[in-house]
Amino acid sequence: MEEDQLPFIGELLRVRDEERDWEGAAERVLHQFGLSMVVPDEHYRAVAAYVDKNNLRGRLVYFRVGAKSAPRLQESISLHPNSLVRKLAINPDSGYRAWLERQLAKRFDLACCMEQEQFVREEKAITRAGQIKTSGDRHEKDDRHAINDRSTYVLGWTNAAKIEALEAQQAILETKIARLSKAYADANNSFRDLGRKREALCGIDQYPAYSAIDWGSVAQEINELEKAVAAIERASNRLAQLNDDLKAAEKTLAEIVVKISKANEKSGAFQASINNDNGVLDEVVKLLKDIPETIVERLAGFCVEWLREFQPQDGAAPWSRPVCSFRFWGIPAAMYHSWHQRS
């Protein structure tokens, strides 16, 4: 048995192109009928047996269709001038055209109403919003799906438009799933964070004061103490350097004091030598006063010659030599000086 031998009614019908404004309403009223299957007489027994023996895991409605040469619609049944049936087209290649015309006229001859006043007056009617009125009293409007939701449409000779609508819906759902997955992950992370916080808060009543758990203040105090220690270490390094400089200065001062002490000792020795030489000089002068002039002249001449012989190379006077050489120069110089004054 080929697939096309058991067509669904929705595959054999579609809304005419010029009546697209009524497509949503037609889909609503014909939805269950479109999902029904047509079973020709030659396959009826096999289909009935298969359906009865198997769990279809769903709902199936099928129609047994007899002779294909049933009377045409216009020959036996008249339609409302604004009938919904007139807005439908039947697949011209279908062998069930006559049967479909009769079924449509019998079950879906609904007046298409643009105004509410007309809808109220008609015995059987439908609006573009999808409200259906049958047998005068029964009314129905099913808004579980949007009236323009093509993913729920079942009429049409091809299902390309429905596939396109389903793919678009799939893309929207995938985006929503991704967003919800991220929201779930974020919520799960938040839940774990709350769990950790709850565990951290367990036993918090053990601390009578906030200061016992105020780690921020402790951290700040530690930071300040570390800065203070660093400053002290820097100051300590500078202090050590100053101590080293002070010790060096004290050592230099001690060396200077030693040198001054030695200089003072030498100065005292020189002063004692000068005092001694001055005494000797006074004695020599006294002796020279008692010597006769003739002897003094002779000695003076000798001293002059002697002084000339030992005249310093730098031209300075002999008696200008350091006091330490007084005994060498002093007596001749005194004799010469005494003689020079007499003459």
Protein backbone atom coordinates (compact mmCIF):
# COMPACT_ATOMS: atom_id res chain seq x y z
CA MET A 1 0.00 0.00 0.00
CA GLU A 2 1.41 3.37 -1.08
CA GLU A 3 1.40 6.40 1.18
CA ASP A 4 -0.65 8.52 -1.21
CA GLN A 5 -3.45 5.89 -1.21
CA LEU A 6 -4.38 6.94 2.35
CA PRO A 7 -4.26 10.74 2.28
CA PHE A 8 -5.21 13.06 5.09
CA ILE A 9 -8.03 15.43 4.20
CA GLY A 10 -5.82 18.44 5.04
CA GLU A 11 -3.54 17.44 2.16
CA LEU A 12 -6.47 17.69 -0.28
CA LEU A 13 -7.73 21.16 0.75
CA ARG A 14 -6.36 24.70 0.91
CA VAL A 15 -7.66 28.26 1.25
CA ARG A 16 -7.80 30.10 -2.06
CA ASP A 17 -5.06 32.73 -2.56
CA GLU A 18 -7.59 35.58 -2.82
CA GLU A 19 -9.15 34.54 0.52
CA ARG A 20 -5.99 34.52 2.68
CA ASP A 21 -7.63 36.83 5.23
CA TRP A 22 -9.85 33.87 6.19
CA GLU A 23 -7.06 31.30 6.38
CA GLY A 24 -6.76 31.37 10.18
CA ALA A 25 -10.54 31.03 10.70
CA ALA A 26 -10.74 28.17 8.15
CA GLU A 27 -7.87 26.36 9.87
CA ARG A 28 -9.66 26.52 13.21
CA VAL A 29 -12.97 25.15 12.01
CA LEU A 30 -11.45 22.53 9.69
CA HIS A 31 -8.54 21.49 11.94
CA GLN A 32 -9.91 18.16 13.20
CA PHE A 33 -11.49 17.36 9.81
CA GLY A 34 -8.14 18.07 8.11
CA LEU A 35 -6.40 15.58 10.45
CA SER A 36 -8.82 12.83 9.41
CA MET A 37 -7.72 10.18 6.92
CA VAL A 38 -9.52 9.01 3.77
CA VAL A 39 -9.64 5.23 3.32
CA PRO A 40 -10.94 3.85 0.01
CA ASP A 41 -13.13 0.72 -0.06
CA GLU A 42 -10.36 -1.55 -1.32
CA HIS A 43 -8.16 -0.81 1.75
CA TYR A 44 -10.89 -0.48 4.33
CA ARG A 45 -10.65 -4.02 5.77
CA ALA A 46 -6.85 -3.90 6.07
CA VAL A 47 -6.88 -0.48 7.73
CA ALA A 48 -9.66 -1.40 10.13
CA ALA A 49 -7.81 -4.57 11.14
CA TYR A 50 -4.47 -2.77 11.63
CA VAL A 51 -6.03 0.02 13.71
CA ASP A 52 -7.81 -2.49 15.88
CA LYS A 53 -4.74 -4.63 16.52
CA ASN A 54 -2.19 -1.88 17.22
CA ASN A 55 -1.75 0.83 19.84
CA LEU A 56 -1.66 4.00 17.76
CA ARG A 57 -0.38 6.09 20.70
CA GLY A 58 -2.65 8.87 19.53
CA ARG A 59 -6.05 9.75 18.09
CA LEU A 60 -7.06 8.73 14.57
CA VAL A 61 -10.24 9.56 12.67
CA TYR A 62 -10.71 8.05 9.21
CA PHE A 63 -13.51 7.99 6.69
CA ARG A 64 -14.48 5.05 4.50
CA VAL A 65 -15.07 6.44 1.01
CA GLY A 66 -17.10 4.37 -1.44
CA ALA A 67 -17.79 5.01 -5.14
CA LYS A 68 -15.80 7.89 -6.59
CA SER A 69 -18.61 8.97 -8.91
CA ALA A 70 -20.81 10.63 -6.24
CA PRO A 71 -23.09 13.48 -7.35
CA ARG A 72 -21.43 16.93 -7.59
CA LEU A 73 -22.17 19.55 -4.94
CA GLN A 74 -24.02 21.96 -7.16
CA GLU A 75 -26.36 19.25 -8.39
CA SER A 76 -27.86 18.42 -5.00
CA ILE A 77 -26.82 20.99 -2.33
CA SER A 78 -26.89 24.78 -2.35
CA LEU A 79 -24.42 26.90 -0.36
CA HIS A 80 -24.71 30.20 1.50
CA PRO A 81 -23.57 33.12 -0.71
CA ASN A 82 -20.75 33.89 1.80
CA SER A 83 -20.11 30.25 2.68
CA LEU A 84 -16.68 29.28 3.98
CA VAL A 85 -16.76 26.37 1.54
CA ARG A 86 -16.54 28.84 -1.36
CA LYS A 87 -13.19 30.06 0.00
CA LEU A 88 -11.67 26.58 -0.20
CA ALA A 89 -10.00 24.80 -3.12
CA ILE A 90 -9.82 21.04 -3.59
CA ASN A 91 -6.74 19.38 -5.07
CA PRO A 92 -7.67 18.79 -8.72
CA ASP A 93 -5.62 15.58 -8.79
CA SER A 94 -7.62 14.07 -5.96
CA GLY A 95 -10.02 11.23 -6.73
CA TYR A 96 -12.17 12.22 -3.75
CA ARG A 97 -13.34 15.58 -5.03
CA ALA A 98 -17.06 14.71 -5.11
CA TRP A 99 -16.96 13.19 -1.64
CA LEU A 100 -15.09 16.22 -0.25
CA GLU A 101 -17.58 18.66 -1.81
CA ARG A 102 -20.49 16.89 -0.18
CA GLN A 103 -18.74 16.68 3.21
CA LEU A 104 -17.75 20.35 3.16
CA ALA A 105 -21.23 21.47 2.17
CA LYS A 106 -22.83 19.27 4.79
CA ARG A 107 -20.54 20.17 7.73
CA PHE A 108 -18.91 23.56 7.03
CA ASP A 109 -21.47 25.67 5.18
CA LEU A 110 -20.84 28.60 7.54
CA ALA A 111 -21.57 32.20 6.63
CA CYS A 112 -18.39 34.29 6.75
CA CYS A 113 -19.40 37.42 8.69
CA MET A 114 -17.46 40.68 8.64
CA GLU A 115 -19.85 42.36 11.10
CA GLN A 116 -21.20 41.27 14.45
CA GLU A 117 -24.78 42.12 13.43
CA GLN A 118 -24.61 39.64 10.59
CA PHE A 119 -23.00 37.02 12.87
CA VAL A 120 -25.91 37.39 15.30
CA ARG A 121 -28.52 37.04 12.54
CA GLU A 122 -27.04 33.99 10.80
CA GLU A 123 -27.95 30.49 11.97
CA LYS A 124 -24.52 29.05 11.10
CA ALA A 125 -21.64 31.52 10.89
CA ILE A 126 -17.94 32.23 11.47
CA THR A 127 -15.88 35.41 12.03
CA ARG A 128 -12.33 36.13 10.93
CA ALA A 129 -11.34 36.07 14.61
CA GLY A 130 -12.31 32.38 14.70
CA GLN A 131 -15.61 32.43 16.59
CA ILE A 132 -17.88 29.67 15.27
CA LYS A 133 -21.66 29.43 15.51
CA THR A 134 -23.38 26.13 14.68
CA SER A 135 -27.02 24.97 14.94
CA GLY A 136 -28.12 28.35 16.16
CA ASP A 137 -27.20 27.82 19.83
CA ARG A 138 -23.69 26.36 20.04
CA HIS A 139 -20.78 28.81 19.91
CA GLU A 140 -17.07 28.04 20.07
CA LYS A 141 -13.79 30.01 20.01
CA ASP A 142 -10.50 28.22 20.63
CA ASP A 143 -7.65 30.64 21.38
CA ARG A 144 -5.19 28.08 22.71
CA HIS A 145 -3.05 28.95 19.71
CA ALA A 146 -2.73 32.25 17.87
CA ILE A 147 -5.02 32.37 14.85
CA ASN A 148 -2.07 33.22 12.59
CA ASP A 149 0.23 30.51 14.00
CA ARG A 150 1.15 28.59 10.85
CA SER A 151 2.87 25.89 12.86
CA THR A 152 -0.62 24.56 13.73
CA TYR A 153 -2.04 24.75 10.17
CA VAL A 154 -3.00 21.46 8.52
CA LEU A 155 -4.53 22.59 5.21
CA GLY A 156 -2.47 22.76 2.05
CA TRP A 157 -1.33 20.63 -0.79
CA THR A 158 2.28 21.04 0.38
CA ASN A 159 3.64 21.53 3.87
CA ALA A 160 6.48 23.89 2.92
CA ALA A 161 4.88 26.88 4.66
CA LYS A 162 4.27 24.82 7.79
CA ILE A 163 7.86 23.54 7.81
CA GLU A 164 9.13 27.10 7.47
CA ALA A 165 6.90 28.20 10.36
CA LEU A 166 8.06 25.25 12.48
CA GLU A 167 11.73 26.03 11.76
CA ALA A 168 11.18 29.66 12.77
CA GLN A 169 9.44 28.46 15.91
CA GLN A 170 12.30 26.04 16.53
CA ALA A 171 14.82 28.89 16.31
CA ILE A 172 12.78 30.92 18.79
CA LEU A 173 12.52 27.95 21.13
CA GLU A 174 16.26 27.24 20.87
CA THR A 175 17.00 30.86 21.77
CA LYS A 176 14.58 30.62 24.68
CA ILE A 177 16.14 27.31 25.78
CA ALA A 178 19.62 28.85 25.69
CA ARG A 179 18.40 31.83 27.71
CA LEU A 180 16.63 29.57 30.20
CA SER A 181 19.71 27.32 30.44
CA LYS A 182 21.84 30.32 31.29
CA ALA A 183 19.25 31.52 33.79
CA TYR A 184 19.19 28.02 35.31
CA ALA A 185 23.00 27.94 35.55
CA ASP A 186 23.03 31.41 37.13
CA ALA A 187 20.29 30.38 39.55
CA ASN A 188 22.18 27.19 40.38
CA ASN A 189 25.36 29.18 41.05
CA SER A 190 23.40 31.59 43.22
CA PHE A 191 21.90 28.63 45.06
CA ARG A 192 25.38 27.22 45.74
CA ASP A 193 26.59 30.64 46.89
CA LEU A 194 23.63 30.89 49.23
CA GLY A 195 24.43 27.41 50.52
CA ARG A 196 28.01 28.43 51.27
CA LYS A 197 26.79 31.59 52.97
CA ARG A 198 24.31 29.55 54.99
CA GLU A 199 27.10 27.23 56.10
CA ALA A 200 29.26 30.24 56.97
CA LEU A 201 26.44 31.75 59.01
CA CYS A 202 25.85 28.57 60.96
CA GLY A 203 27.12 29.12 64.49
CA ILE A 204 27.36 32.89 64.12
CA ASP A 205 25.61 33.17 67.48
CA GLN A 206 28.90 32.03 69.03
CA TYR A 207 30.24 35.54 68.51
CA PRO A 208 28.69 38.02 70.95
CA ALA A 209 30.00 41.12 69.16
CA TYR A 210 30.63 42.13 65.59
CA SER A 211 34.23 42.95 66.41
CA ALA A 212 34.88 39.23 66.86
CA ILE A 213 34.31 38.62 63.14
CA ASP A 214 35.25 42.06 61.82
CA TRP A 215 38.11 40.82 59.68
CA GLY A 216 38.16 44.03 57.66
CA SER A 217 39.25 46.16 60.61
CA VAL A 218 41.87 43.58 61.56
CA ALA A 219 43.21 43.50 58.01
CA GLN A 220 43.38 47.31 57.97
CA GLU A 221 45.20 47.37 61.32
CA ILE A 222 47.68 44.76 60.07
CA ASN A 223 48.29 46.85 56.97
CA GLU A 224 48.93 49.96 59.07
CA LEU A 225 51.28 48.04 61.37
CA GLU A 226 53.20 46.72 58.37
CA LYS A 227 53.58 50.27 57.09
CA ALA A 228 54.77 51.40 60.56
CA VAL A 229 57.31 48.54 60.71
CA ALA A 230 58.59 49.47 57.26
CA ALA A 231 58.95 53.11 58.33
CA ILE A 232 60.81 52.07 61.50
CA GLU A 233 63.12 49.86 59.46
CA ARG A 234 63.87 52.74 57.12
CA ALA A 235 64.48 55.05 60.10
CA SER A 236 66.63 52.37 61.72
CA ASN A 237 68.79 52.16 58.63
CA ARG A 238 69.22 55.93 58.67
CA LEU A 239 69.99 55.87 62.40
CA ALA A 240 72.60 53.18 61.87
CA GLN A 241 74.19 55.31 59.16
CA LEU A 242 74.22 58.35 61.50
CA ASN A 243 75.78 56.23 64.27
CA ASP A 244 78.48 55.11 61.88
CA ASP A 245 79.13 58.73 60.85
CA LEU A 246 79.23 59.77 64.53
CA LYS A 247 81.76 57.06 65.37
CA ALA A 248 83.92 58.12 62.42
CA ALA A 249 83.75 61.78 63.56
CA GLU A 250 84.65 60.80 67.15
CA LYS A 251 87.61 58.81 65.87
CA THR A 252 88.79 61.76 63.77
CA LEU A 253 88.34 64.10 66.74
CA ALA A 254 90.37 61.78 68.98
CA GLU A 255 93.16 61.75 66.40
CA ILE A 256 93.08 65.56 66.26
CA VAL A 257 93.16 65.77 70.07
CA VAL A 258 96.21 63.47 70.08
CA LYS A 259 97.92 65.62 67.47
CA ILE A 260 97.12 68.82 69.46
CA SER A 261 98.48 67.19 72.63
CA LYS A 262 101.69 66.26 70.84
CA ALA A 263 101.94 69.76 69.37
CA ASN A 264 101.46 71.24 72.84
CA GLU A 265 104.21 68.99 74.19
CA LYS A 266 106.54 70.13 71.41
CA SER A 267 105.58 73.76 72.01
CA GLY A 268 106.37 73.40 75.73
CA ALA A 269 109.74 71.89 74.90
CA PHE A 270 110.48 74.72 72.45
CA GLN A 271 109.47 77.32 75.04
CA ALA A 272 111.75 75.75 77.63
CA SER A 273 114.60 75.72 75.12
CA ILE A 274 113.99 79.39 74.26
CA ASN A 275 113.98 80.35 77.92
CA ASN A 276 117.23 78.45 78.46
CA ASP A 277 118.85 80.04 75.39
CA ASN A 278 117.73 83.49 76.49
CA GLY A 279 119.51 82.91 79.83
CA VAL A 280 122.67 81.82 78.07
CA LEU A 281 122.44 84.87 75.80
CA ASP A 282 122.15 87.19 78.77
CA GLU A 283 125.23 85.65 80.34
CA VAL A 284 127.20 86.01 77.09
CA VAL A 285 126.20 89.65 76.80
CA LYS A 286 127.34 90.29 80.36
CA LEU A 287 130.70 88.61 79.66
CA LEU A 288 131.20 90.62 76.50
CA LYS A 289 130.81 93.88 78.38
CA ASP A 290 133.87 93.05 80.48
CA ILE A 291 136.13 92.08 77.54
CA PRO A 292 138.51 94.78 76.19
CA GLU A 293 137.62 96.41 72.94
CA THR A 294 140.70 95.13 71.14
CA ILE A 295 139.78 91.57 71.95
CA VAL A 296 136.20 92.18 71.09
CA GLU A 297 137.21 93.65 67.73
CA ARG A 298 139.34 90.65 66.97
CA LEU A 299 136.59 88.27 68.03
CA ALA A 300 134.06 90.25 66.08
CA GLY A 301 136.19 90.03 62.97
CA PHE A 302 136.53 86.34 63.48
CA CYS A 303 132.77 86.03 64.01
CA VAL A 304 132.08 88.01 60.85
CA GLU A 305 134.22 85.68 58.84
CA TRP A 306 132.69 82.71 60.59
CA LEU A 307 129.18 83.97 59.99
CA ARG A 308 129.92 84.58 56.33
CA GLU A 309 131.24 81.07 55.97
CA PHE A 310 128.10 79.58 57.51
CA GLN A 311 125.68 82.05 55.93
CA PRO A 312 122.43 80.22 55.04
CA GLN A 313 121.86 79.68 51.29
CA ASP A 314 118.45 81.33 51.40
CA GLY A 315 119.94 84.71 52.47
CA ALA A 316 118.26 84.84 55.89
CA ALA A 317 120.09 86.27 58.88
CA PRO A 318 121.94 83.65 60.94
CA TRP A 319 120.10 84.53 64.11
CA SER A 320 116.76 84.04 62.34
CA ARG A 321 117.29 80.27 62.43
CA PRO A 322 115.09 78.13 64.72
CA VAL A 323 115.79 78.40 68.44
CA CYS A 324 116.98 74.82 68.50
CA SER A 325 120.19 76.04 66.68
CA PHE A 326 120.84 78.91 69.09
CA ARG A 327 123.88 77.29 70.64
CA PHE A 328 125.41 77.05 67.19
CA TRP A 329 124.59 80.57 66.05
CA GLY A 330 123.79 82.52 69.22
CA ILE A 331 127.25 83.28 70.71
CA PRO A 332 128.90 84.46 67.43
CA ALA A 333 125.81 86.49 66.64
CA ALA A 334 125.83 88.06 70.14
CA MET A 335 129.51 88.96 69.84
CA TYR A 336 128.94 90.50 66.44
CA HIS A 337 125.93 92.44 67.73
CA SER A 338 127.86 93.74 70.75
CA TRP A 339 130.78 94.87 68.62
CA HIS A 340 128.52 96.55 66.12
CA GLN A 341 126.89 98.61 68.90
CA ARG A 342 130.32 99.77 70.26
CA SER A 343 131.54 100.89 66.92
